[in-house]
Amino acid sequence: MRTGTLLIALTLLGLGQGLTPPPAPKLDSHLGGFLIGIFKGFQANPNMESMCVLELQGITENADNLIRYIVSILDNYVYIFQSLNEFADFMDSFDQAVKSCEFSRLFEQISALRNTGGQAAIAARIAIKSADVIDSWKTFYYGLVDGNYETGGMGLGQILSVVLNFNI
């Protein structure tokens, strides 16, 4: 009986104070945008967003909401319920992105680099696509210098795409 009364009181208290939490810092401003840029660089056509990139953008939005609700728990404990919902949404988005981005294939490519055949293949790919690697390095460098982190990430993703022989 006490638990039910306490739960009703907490809910009414939360409704009385409003359920919109205060703003939290955006993840996609630097790190999130950079990571999305890396996966844009992995695309065969960086200008056309794949499902992987679209789902990664959803992850950053869900992570922003999750952080906002977690921070707001300190002001009002009623936000714990919204935090749990946002965590479930975040995990669903993350699961979909893992499938779409083919992370298992990426890890296979990385593990193939341990042997000398894989290392020789890297040298050959870089030699064949040296002009592309140099252009991608310039994109990476100037993206970071200019503060356009997504563009910098895209340049790094293009370099990694050549090195790892991985496209999405």
N, C-alpha and C. Protein backbone atom coordinates (compact mmCIF):
# COMPACT_ATOMS: atom_id res chain seq x y z
N MET A 1 0.82 -1.19 0.00
CA MET A 1 0.00 0.00 0.00
C MET A 1 0.87 1.26 0.00
N ARG A 2 1.91 1.25 0.85
CA ARG A 2 2.78 2.40 0.93
C ARG A 2 3.51 2.63 -0.40
N THR A 3 3.93 1.54 -1.05
CA THR A 3 4.65 1.66 -2.31
C THR A 3 3.77 2.30 -3.37
N GLY A 4 2.53 1.89 -3.46
CA GLY A 4 1.59 2.46 -4.43
C GLY A 4 1.35 3.93 -4.16
N THR A 5 1.15 4.29 -2.90
CA THR A 5 0.94 5.69 -2.54
C THR A 5 2.17 6.52 -2.87
N LEU A 6 3.35 5.97 -2.57
CA LEU A 6 4.60 6.68 -2.86
C LEU A 6 4.77 6.88 -4.37
N LEU A 7 4.46 5.86 -5.15
CA LEU A 7 4.58 5.96 -6.60
C LEU A 7 3.63 7.01 -7.17
N ILE A 8 2.39 7.03 -6.67
CA ILE A 8 1.42 8.04 -7.12
C ILE A 8 1.88 9.44 -6.73
N ALA A 9 2.40 9.59 -5.51
CA ALA A 9 2.88 10.89 -5.06
C ALA A 9 4.06 11.37 -5.92
N LEU A 10 4.98 10.46 -6.22
CA LEU A 10 6.12 10.83 -7.06
C LEU A 10 5.68 11.25 -8.46
N THR A 11 4.72 10.53 -9.01
CA THR A 11 4.21 10.85 -10.34
C THR A 11 3.53 12.21 -10.34
N LEU A 12 2.69 12.47 -9.35
CA LEU A 12 2.01 13.77 -9.26
C LEU A 12 3.00 14.90 -9.04
N LEU A 13 4.02 14.65 -8.23
CA LEU A 13 5.04 15.66 -8.00
C LEU A 13 5.78 15.97 -9.30
N GLY A 14 6.09 14.95 -10.05
CA GLY A 14 6.78 15.14 -11.33
C GLY A 14 5.91 15.87 -12.33
N LEU A 15 4.62 15.56 -12.38
CA LEU A 15 3.72 16.24 -13.30
C LEU A 15 3.56 17.70 -12.93
N GLY A 16 3.61 17.97 -11.63
CA GLY A 16 3.48 19.36 -11.18
C GLY A 16 4.68 20.19 -11.55
N GLN A 17 5.84 19.58 -11.68
CA GLN A 17 7.06 20.33 -11.98
C GLN A 17 7.37 20.36 -13.47
N GLY A 18 6.58 19.72 -14.27
CA GLY A 18 6.84 19.68 -15.71
C GLY A 18 7.80 18.56 -16.05
N LEU A 19 7.65 17.99 -17.22
CA LEU A 19 8.48 16.84 -17.59
C LEU A 19 9.49 17.16 -18.69
N THR A 20 9.81 18.42 -18.86
CA THR A 20 10.81 18.78 -19.86
C THR A 20 12.12 19.07 -19.14
N PRO A 21 13.12 18.21 -19.34
CA PRO A 21 14.38 18.42 -18.64
C PRO A 21 15.16 19.57 -19.25
N PRO A 22 16.13 20.09 -18.50
CA PRO A 22 16.95 21.19 -19.02
C PRO A 22 17.85 20.70 -20.15
N PRO A 23 18.30 21.60 -21.02
CA PRO A 23 19.17 21.18 -22.12
C PRO A 23 20.51 20.66 -21.60
N ALA A 24 21.07 19.72 -22.32
CA ALA A 24 22.38 19.16 -22.00
C ALA A 24 23.31 19.41 -23.18
N PRO A 25 24.61 19.31 -22.97
CA PRO A 25 25.54 19.53 -24.08
C PRO A 25 25.32 18.52 -25.21
N LYS A 26 25.45 18.98 -26.44
CA LYS A 26 25.23 18.12 -27.59
C LYS A 26 26.46 17.25 -27.84
N LEU A 27 26.22 15.97 -28.09
CA LEU A 27 27.31 15.05 -28.41
C LEU A 27 27.82 15.26 -29.82
N ASP A 28 26.91 15.55 -30.76
CA ASP A 28 27.30 15.56 -32.15
C ASP A 28 28.10 16.79 -32.54
N SER A 29 28.35 17.71 -31.59
CA SER A 29 29.09 18.91 -31.94
C SER A 29 30.52 18.59 -32.34
N HIS A 30 31.16 17.65 -31.68
CA HIS A 30 32.54 17.33 -32.01
C HIS A 30 32.72 15.84 -32.25
N LEU A 31 32.67 15.08 -31.19
CA LEU A 31 32.96 13.66 -31.28
C LEU A 31 31.93 12.92 -32.13
N GLY A 32 30.66 13.18 -31.90
CA GLY A 32 29.63 12.50 -32.68
C GLY A 32 29.72 12.83 -34.15
N GLY A 33 29.92 14.09 -34.48
CA GLY A 33 30.06 14.49 -35.88
C GLY A 33 31.30 13.88 -36.51
N PHE A 34 32.39 13.79 -35.74
CA PHE A 34 33.62 13.20 -36.25
C PHE A 34 33.41 11.71 -36.56
N LEU A 35 32.75 10.98 -35.65
CA LEU A 35 32.50 9.56 -35.87
C LEU A 35 31.57 9.32 -37.05
N ILE A 36 30.55 10.15 -37.18
CA ILE A 36 29.65 10.03 -38.33
C ILE A 36 30.43 10.30 -39.62
N GLY A 37 31.34 11.27 -39.57
CA GLY A 37 32.18 11.56 -40.73
C GLY A 37 33.05 10.39 -41.13
N ILE A 38 33.59 9.67 -40.13
CA ILE A 38 34.42 8.50 -40.43
C ILE A 38 33.59 7.48 -41.21
N PHE A 39 32.38 7.23 -40.78
CA PHE A 39 31.56 6.24 -41.48
C PHE A 39 31.06 6.77 -42.82
N LYS A 40 30.93 8.09 -42.97
CA LYS A 40 30.64 8.64 -44.30
C LYS A 40 31.82 8.38 -45.23
N GLY A 41 33.03 8.45 -44.68
CA GLY A 41 34.22 8.16 -45.47
C GLY A 41 34.31 6.70 -45.89
N PHE A 42 33.74 5.82 -45.11
CA PHE A 42 33.72 4.39 -45.45
C PHE A 42 32.75 4.08 -46.59
N GLN A 43 31.84 4.99 -46.87
CA GLN A 43 30.85 4.75 -47.91
C GLN A 43 31.50 4.79 -49.29
N ALA A 44 30.94 4.03 -50.21
CA ALA A 44 31.44 4.07 -51.59
C ALA A 44 31.23 5.46 -52.17
N ASN A 45 30.09 6.09 -51.86
CA ASN A 45 29.81 7.46 -52.29
C ASN A 45 29.55 8.28 -51.01
N PRO A 46 30.54 9.05 -50.53
CA PRO A 46 30.38 9.79 -49.27
C PRO A 46 29.24 10.80 -49.27
N ASN A 47 28.78 11.21 -50.46
CA ASN A 47 27.71 12.21 -50.53
C ASN A 47 26.32 11.60 -50.41
N MET A 48 26.22 10.28 -50.47
CA MET A 48 24.93 9.60 -50.36
C MET A 48 24.94 8.77 -49.08
N GLU A 49 24.15 9.19 -48.10
CA GLU A 49 24.19 8.54 -46.80
C GLU A 49 23.56 7.15 -46.83
N SER A 50 24.30 6.20 -46.28
CA SER A 50 23.82 4.83 -46.20
C SER A 50 22.97 4.66 -44.94
N MET A 51 22.36 3.50 -44.80
CA MET A 51 21.57 3.22 -43.59
C MET A 51 22.46 3.26 -42.35
N CYS A 52 23.71 2.85 -42.51
CA CYS A 52 24.65 2.89 -41.39
C CYS A 52 24.79 4.31 -40.86
N VAL A 53 25.04 5.26 -41.74
CA VAL A 53 25.23 6.65 -41.32
C VAL A 53 23.94 7.22 -40.74
N LEU A 54 22.82 6.93 -41.35
CA LEU A 54 21.54 7.42 -40.84
C LEU A 54 21.27 6.87 -39.44
N GLU A 55 21.59 5.60 -39.22
CA GLU A 55 21.37 5.03 -37.90
C GLU A 55 22.37 5.55 -36.88
N LEU A 56 23.60 5.84 -37.30
CA LEU A 56 24.56 6.45 -36.38
C LEU A 56 24.12 7.85 -35.97
N GLN A 57 23.51 8.59 -36.89
CA GLN A 57 22.97 9.91 -36.53
C GLN A 57 21.85 9.75 -35.51
N GLY A 58 21.04 8.71 -35.67
CA GLY A 58 19.99 8.43 -34.67
C GLY A 58 20.57 8.10 -33.32
N ILE A 59 21.71 7.41 -33.30
CA ILE A 59 22.36 7.07 -32.04
C ILE A 59 22.80 8.34 -31.32
N THR A 60 23.38 9.30 -32.05
CA THR A 60 23.84 10.53 -31.39
C THR A 60 22.66 11.31 -30.83
N GLU A 61 21.53 11.31 -31.56
CA GLU A 61 20.34 12.00 -31.04
C GLU A 61 19.83 11.30 -29.78
N ASN A 62 19.76 9.97 -29.81
CA ASN A 62 19.30 9.23 -28.64
C ASN A 62 20.25 9.39 -27.47
N ALA A 63 21.56 9.44 -27.75
CA ALA A 63 22.54 9.65 -26.68
C ALA A 63 22.39 11.04 -26.08
N ASP A 64 22.13 12.05 -26.92
CA ASP A 64 21.89 13.40 -26.40
C ASP A 64 20.69 13.41 -25.46
N ASN A 65 19.60 12.78 -25.87
CA ASN A 65 18.41 12.73 -25.02
C ASN A 65 18.69 11.96 -23.74
N LEU A 66 19.41 10.85 -23.85
CA LEU A 66 19.73 10.05 -22.67
C LEU A 66 20.54 10.87 -21.67
N ILE A 67 21.56 11.57 -22.14
CA ILE A 67 22.38 12.39 -21.25
C ILE A 67 21.55 13.50 -20.62
N ARG A 68 20.68 14.10 -21.42
CA ARG A 68 19.83 15.18 -20.91
C ARG A 68 18.95 14.69 -19.76
N TYR A 69 18.35 13.52 -19.92
CA TYR A 69 17.48 12.99 -18.87
C TYR A 69 18.28 12.53 -17.66
N ILE A 70 19.45 11.95 -17.88
CA ILE A 70 20.26 11.51 -16.74
C ILE A 70 20.71 12.71 -15.91
N VAL A 71 21.14 13.78 -16.60
CA VAL A 71 21.55 15.00 -15.88
C VAL A 71 20.37 15.60 -15.13
N SER A 72 19.18 15.52 -15.71
CA SER A 72 18.02 16.12 -15.07
C SER A 72 17.53 15.31 -13.87
N ILE A 73 17.97 14.06 -13.72
CA ILE A 73 17.60 13.27 -12.54
C ILE A 73 18.07 13.97 -11.28
N LEU A 74 19.19 14.67 -11.36
CA LEU A 74 19.71 15.37 -10.20
C LEU A 74 18.75 16.46 -9.71
N ASP A 75 17.99 17.06 -10.64
CA ASP A 75 17.03 18.08 -10.27
C ASP A 75 15.69 17.48 -9.83
N ASN A 76 15.29 16.41 -10.51
CA ASN A 76 13.98 15.81 -10.22
C ASN A 76 14.08 14.32 -10.53
N TYR A 77 13.92 13.50 -9.52
CA TYR A 77 14.10 12.05 -9.67
C TYR A 77 13.04 11.41 -10.55
N VAL A 78 11.99 12.11 -10.90
CA VAL A 78 10.95 11.56 -11.77
C VAL A 78 11.51 11.27 -13.15
N TYR A 79 12.57 11.96 -13.55
CA TYR A 79 13.16 11.76 -14.87
C TYR A 79 13.81 10.39 -15.02
N ILE A 80 13.88 9.64 -13.95
CA ILE A 80 14.48 8.31 -14.04
C ILE A 80 13.69 7.43 -15.01
N PHE A 81 12.38 7.61 -15.08
CA PHE A 81 11.56 6.81 -15.98
C PHE A 81 11.85 7.17 -17.44
N GLN A 82 11.98 8.46 -17.74
CA GLN A 82 12.32 8.88 -19.09
C GLN A 82 13.73 8.42 -19.45
N SER A 83 14.64 8.42 -18.46
CA SER A 83 16.00 7.95 -18.71
C SER A 83 16.01 6.49 -19.12
N LEU A 84 15.18 5.69 -18.46
CA LEU A 84 15.10 4.27 -18.82
C LEU A 84 14.54 4.08 -20.22
N ASN A 85 13.53 4.87 -20.59
CA ASN A 85 12.99 4.80 -21.95
C ASN A 85 14.03 5.23 -22.99
N GLU A 86 14.75 6.30 -22.70
CA GLU A 86 15.78 6.78 -23.63
C GLU A 86 16.92 5.77 -23.75
N PHE A 87 17.25 5.09 -22.64
CA PHE A 87 18.29 4.07 -22.70
C PHE A 87 17.85 2.91 -23.59
N ALA A 88 16.59 2.52 -23.49
CA ALA A 88 16.07 1.44 -24.35
C ALA A 88 16.11 1.87 -25.82
N ASP A 89 15.72 3.12 -26.11
CA ASP A 89 15.79 3.62 -27.49
C ASP A 89 17.23 3.65 -28.00
N PHE A 90 18.15 4.08 -27.13
CA PHE A 90 19.56 4.14 -27.49
C PHE A 90 20.09 2.75 -27.83
N MET A 91 19.76 1.76 -27.02
CA MET A 91 20.25 0.40 -27.27
C MET A 91 19.63 -0.18 -28.54
N ASP A 92 18.37 0.11 -28.82
CA ASP A 92 17.75 -0.35 -30.07
C ASP A 92 18.47 0.25 -31.28
N SER A 93 18.74 1.56 -31.21
CA SER A 93 19.44 2.23 -32.31
C SER A 93 20.85 1.68 -32.47
N PHE A 94 21.51 1.42 -31.36
CA PHE A 94 22.87 0.89 -31.41
C PHE A 94 22.89 -0.50 -32.05
N ASP A 95 21.93 -1.33 -31.68
CA ASP A 95 21.83 -2.68 -32.25
C ASP A 95 21.63 -2.62 -33.76
N GLN A 96 20.75 -1.75 -34.22
CA GLN A 96 20.50 -1.60 -35.65
C GLN A 96 21.76 -1.10 -36.38
N ALA A 97 22.47 -0.15 -35.76
CA ALA A 97 23.68 0.40 -36.40
C ALA A 97 24.77 -0.66 -36.51
N VAL A 98 24.89 -1.50 -35.50
CA VAL A 98 25.90 -2.57 -35.54
C VAL A 98 25.63 -3.49 -36.72
N LYS A 99 24.35 -3.78 -36.96
CA LYS A 99 24.00 -4.65 -38.09
C LYS A 99 24.23 -3.94 -39.42
N SER A 100 23.78 -2.70 -39.54
CA SER A 100 23.88 -1.97 -40.81
C SER A 100 25.32 -1.62 -41.18
N CYS A 101 26.12 -1.30 -40.19
CA CYS A 101 27.49 -0.87 -40.46
C CYS A 101 28.45 -2.04 -40.65
N GLU A 102 27.96 -3.24 -40.48
CA GLU A 102 28.76 -4.45 -40.69
C GLU A 102 30.05 -4.41 -39.88
N PHE A 103 29.93 -4.13 -38.58
CA PHE A 103 31.09 -4.07 -37.72
C PHE A 103 31.84 -5.39 -37.66
N SER A 104 31.13 -6.51 -37.78
CA SER A 104 31.81 -7.81 -37.74
C SER A 104 32.77 -7.95 -38.92
N ARG A 105 32.37 -7.50 -40.10
CA ARG A 105 33.25 -7.55 -41.27
C ARG A 105 34.43 -6.60 -41.09
N LEU A 106 34.20 -5.44 -40.46
CA LEU A 106 35.28 -4.50 -40.18
C LEU A 106 36.31 -5.13 -39.25
N PHE A 107 35.84 -5.82 -38.20
CA PHE A 107 36.76 -6.47 -37.28
C PHE A 107 37.53 -7.60 -37.95
N GLU A 108 36.90 -8.29 -38.89
CA GLU A 108 37.61 -9.32 -39.66
C GLU A 108 38.73 -8.69 -40.47
N GLN A 109 38.47 -7.54 -41.09
CA GLN A 109 39.49 -6.86 -41.88
C GLN A 109 40.65 -6.41 -40.99
N ILE A 110 40.34 -5.93 -39.80
CA ILE A 110 41.39 -5.48 -38.87
C ILE A 110 42.22 -6.66 -38.41
N SER A 111 41.58 -7.79 -38.10
CA SER A 111 42.33 -8.95 -37.62
C SER A 111 43.19 -9.56 -38.73
N ALA A 112 42.80 -9.37 -40.01
CA ALA A 112 43.61 -9.88 -41.12
C ALA A 112 44.92 -9.11 -41.27
N LEU A 113 45.03 -7.96 -40.63
CA LEU A 113 46.25 -7.15 -40.75
C LEU A 113 47.40 -7.70 -39.91
N ARG A 114 47.14 -8.68 -39.07
CA ARG A 114 48.19 -9.21 -38.19
C ARG A 114 49.26 -10.00 -38.94
N ASN A 115 48.90 -10.61 -40.02
CA ASN A 115 49.89 -11.42 -40.74
C ASN A 115 50.59 -10.59 -41.82
N THR A 116 51.67 -11.11 -42.33
CA THR A 116 52.47 -10.35 -43.31
C THR A 116 51.72 -10.18 -44.63
N GLY A 117 50.88 -11.12 -44.99
CA GLY A 117 50.10 -10.96 -46.22
C GLY A 117 49.16 -9.78 -46.14
N GLY A 118 48.54 -9.59 -44.98
CA GLY A 118 47.64 -8.44 -44.79
C GLY A 118 48.39 -7.13 -44.81
N GLN A 119 49.60 -7.12 -44.24
CA GLN A 119 50.40 -5.91 -44.22
C GLN A 119 50.91 -5.57 -45.62
N ALA A 120 51.25 -6.58 -46.38
CA ALA A 120 51.69 -6.34 -47.76
C ALA A 120 50.53 -5.81 -48.60
N ALA A 121 49.33 -6.31 -48.33
CA ALA A 121 48.15 -5.84 -49.06
C ALA A 121 47.89 -4.36 -48.76
N ILE A 122 48.12 -3.94 -47.52
CA ILE A 122 47.96 -2.51 -47.17
C ILE A 122 48.92 -1.66 -47.99
N ALA A 123 50.18 -2.07 -48.03
CA ALA A 123 51.18 -1.31 -48.78
C ALA A 123 50.80 -1.22 -50.25
N ALA A 124 50.30 -2.31 -50.81
CA ALA A 124 49.90 -2.31 -52.21
C ALA A 124 48.70 -1.39 -52.44
N ARG A 125 47.71 -1.44 -51.56
CA ARG A 125 46.53 -0.58 -51.72
C ARG A 125 46.91 0.89 -51.62
N ILE A 126 47.78 1.22 -50.66
CA ILE A 126 48.20 2.61 -50.50
C ILE A 126 48.99 3.08 -51.71
N ALA A 127 49.84 2.21 -52.25
CA ALA A 127 50.63 2.58 -53.43
C ALA A 127 49.72 2.81 -54.64
N ILE A 128 48.72 1.94 -54.80
CA ILE A 128 47.82 2.06 -55.95
C ILE A 128 46.94 3.29 -55.82
N LYS A 129 46.48 3.58 -54.62
CA LYS A 129 45.55 4.70 -54.40
C LYS A 129 46.21 5.87 -53.68
N SER A 130 47.49 6.10 -53.95
CA SER A 130 48.23 7.13 -53.22
C SER A 130 47.64 8.52 -53.43
N ALA A 131 47.18 8.83 -54.61
CA ALA A 131 46.59 10.15 -54.86
C ALA A 131 45.32 10.33 -54.03
N ASP A 132 44.50 9.29 -53.94
CA ASP A 132 43.28 9.36 -53.12
C ASP A 132 43.63 9.51 -51.64
N VAL A 133 44.66 8.80 -51.19
CA VAL A 133 45.07 8.87 -49.77
C VAL A 133 45.56 10.28 -49.45
N ILE A 134 46.34 10.88 -50.36
CA ILE A 134 46.84 12.24 -50.14
C ILE A 134 45.68 13.24 -50.10
N ASP A 135 44.72 13.12 -51.01
CA ASP A 135 43.54 14.00 -51.00
C ASP A 135 42.73 13.82 -49.72
N SER A 136 42.59 12.57 -49.28
CA SER A 136 41.84 12.30 -48.06
C SER A 136 42.56 12.86 -46.84
N TRP A 137 43.90 12.80 -46.85
CA TRP A 137 44.67 13.37 -45.75
C TRP A 137 44.46 14.88 -45.68
N LYS A 138 44.43 15.53 -46.83
CA LYS A 138 44.18 16.97 -46.86
C LYS A 138 42.78 17.28 -46.33
N THR A 139 41.80 16.48 -46.72
CA THR A 139 40.43 16.67 -46.22
C THR A 139 40.39 16.50 -44.71
N PHE A 140 41.07 15.49 -44.20
CA PHE A 140 41.14 15.24 -42.75
C PHE A 140 41.79 16.42 -42.04
N TYR A 141 42.94 16.84 -42.53
CA TYR A 141 43.69 17.91 -41.88
C TYR A 141 42.92 19.23 -41.89
N TYR A 142 42.45 19.66 -43.05
CA TYR A 142 41.76 20.94 -43.14
C TYR A 142 40.39 20.90 -42.46
N GLY A 143 39.78 19.74 -42.40
CA GLY A 143 38.52 19.62 -41.66
C GLY A 143 38.73 19.89 -40.18
N LEU A 144 39.81 19.35 -39.62
CA LEU A 144 40.09 19.60 -38.20
C LEU A 144 40.54 21.02 -37.95
N VAL A 145 41.38 21.56 -38.84
CA VAL A 145 41.87 22.93 -38.67
C VAL A 145 40.72 23.93 -38.75
N ASP A 146 39.80 23.71 -39.67
CA ASP A 146 38.67 24.62 -39.86
C ASP A 146 37.54 24.39 -38.86
N GLY A 147 37.65 23.36 -38.04
CA GLY A 147 36.60 23.07 -37.06
C GLY A 147 35.41 22.33 -37.63
N ASN A 148 35.53 21.83 -38.86
CA ASN A 148 34.47 21.04 -39.46
C ASN A 148 34.80 19.56 -39.21
N TYR A 149 34.38 19.07 -38.03
CA TYR A 149 34.80 17.76 -37.57
C TYR A 149 34.21 16.62 -38.40
N GLU A 150 33.02 16.81 -38.94
CA GLU A 150 32.44 15.75 -39.77
C GLU A 150 33.25 15.59 -41.05
N THR A 151 33.68 16.69 -41.65
CA THR A 151 34.51 16.62 -42.86
C THR A 151 35.86 15.99 -42.54
N GLY A 152 36.45 16.35 -41.39
CA GLY A 152 37.70 15.73 -40.98
C GLY A 152 37.54 14.24 -40.77
N GLY A 153 36.45 13.84 -40.15
CA GLY A 153 36.17 12.42 -39.98
C GLY A 153 35.99 11.71 -41.30
N MET A 154 35.38 12.40 -42.27
CA MET A 154 35.18 11.80 -43.58
C MET A 154 36.53 11.54 -44.26
N GLY A 155 37.46 12.46 -44.13
CA GLY A 155 38.80 12.25 -44.68
C GLY A 155 39.49 11.06 -44.04
N LEU A 156 39.41 10.96 -42.71
CA LEU A 156 40.00 9.83 -42.01
C LEU A 156 39.31 8.52 -42.40
N GLY A 157 38.00 8.55 -42.55
CA GLY A 157 37.27 7.36 -42.98
C GLY A 157 37.68 6.90 -44.36
N GLN A 158 37.95 7.84 -45.26
CA GLN A 158 38.40 7.48 -46.61
C GLN A 158 39.78 6.84 -46.57
N ILE A 159 40.66 7.35 -45.71
CA ILE A 159 41.99 6.75 -45.56
C ILE A 159 41.85 5.33 -44.99
N LEU A 160 41.04 5.19 -43.94
CA LEU A 160 40.84 3.86 -43.34
C LEU A 160 40.18 2.90 -44.31
N SER A 161 39.33 3.43 -45.17
CA SER A 161 38.68 2.58 -46.16
C SER A 161 39.70 1.97 -47.11
N VAL A 162 40.72 2.75 -47.49
CA VAL A 162 41.79 2.22 -48.35
C VAL A 162 42.65 1.24 -47.57
N VAL A 163 43.04 1.63 -46.36
CA VAL A 163 43.94 0.80 -45.56
C VAL A 163 43.29 -0.54 -45.22
N LEU A 164 42.02 -0.50 -44.80
CA LEU A 164 41.34 -1.72 -44.36
C LEU A 164 40.60 -2.44 -45.48
N ASN A 165 40.52 -1.83 -46.66
CA ASN A 165 39.76 -2.40 -47.77
C ASN A 165 38.32 -2.68 -47.32
N PHE A 166 37.68 -1.64 -46.77
CA PHE A 166 36.35 -1.77 -46.19
C PHE A 166 35.46 -0.64 -46.69
N ASN A 167 34.33 -1.00 -47.25
CA ASN A 167 33.31 -0.03 -47.67
C ASN A 167 31.95 -0.49 -47.17
N ILE A 168 31.10 0.48 -46.91
CA ILE A 168 29.71 0.15 -46.54
C ILE A 168 28.77 0.70 -47.59
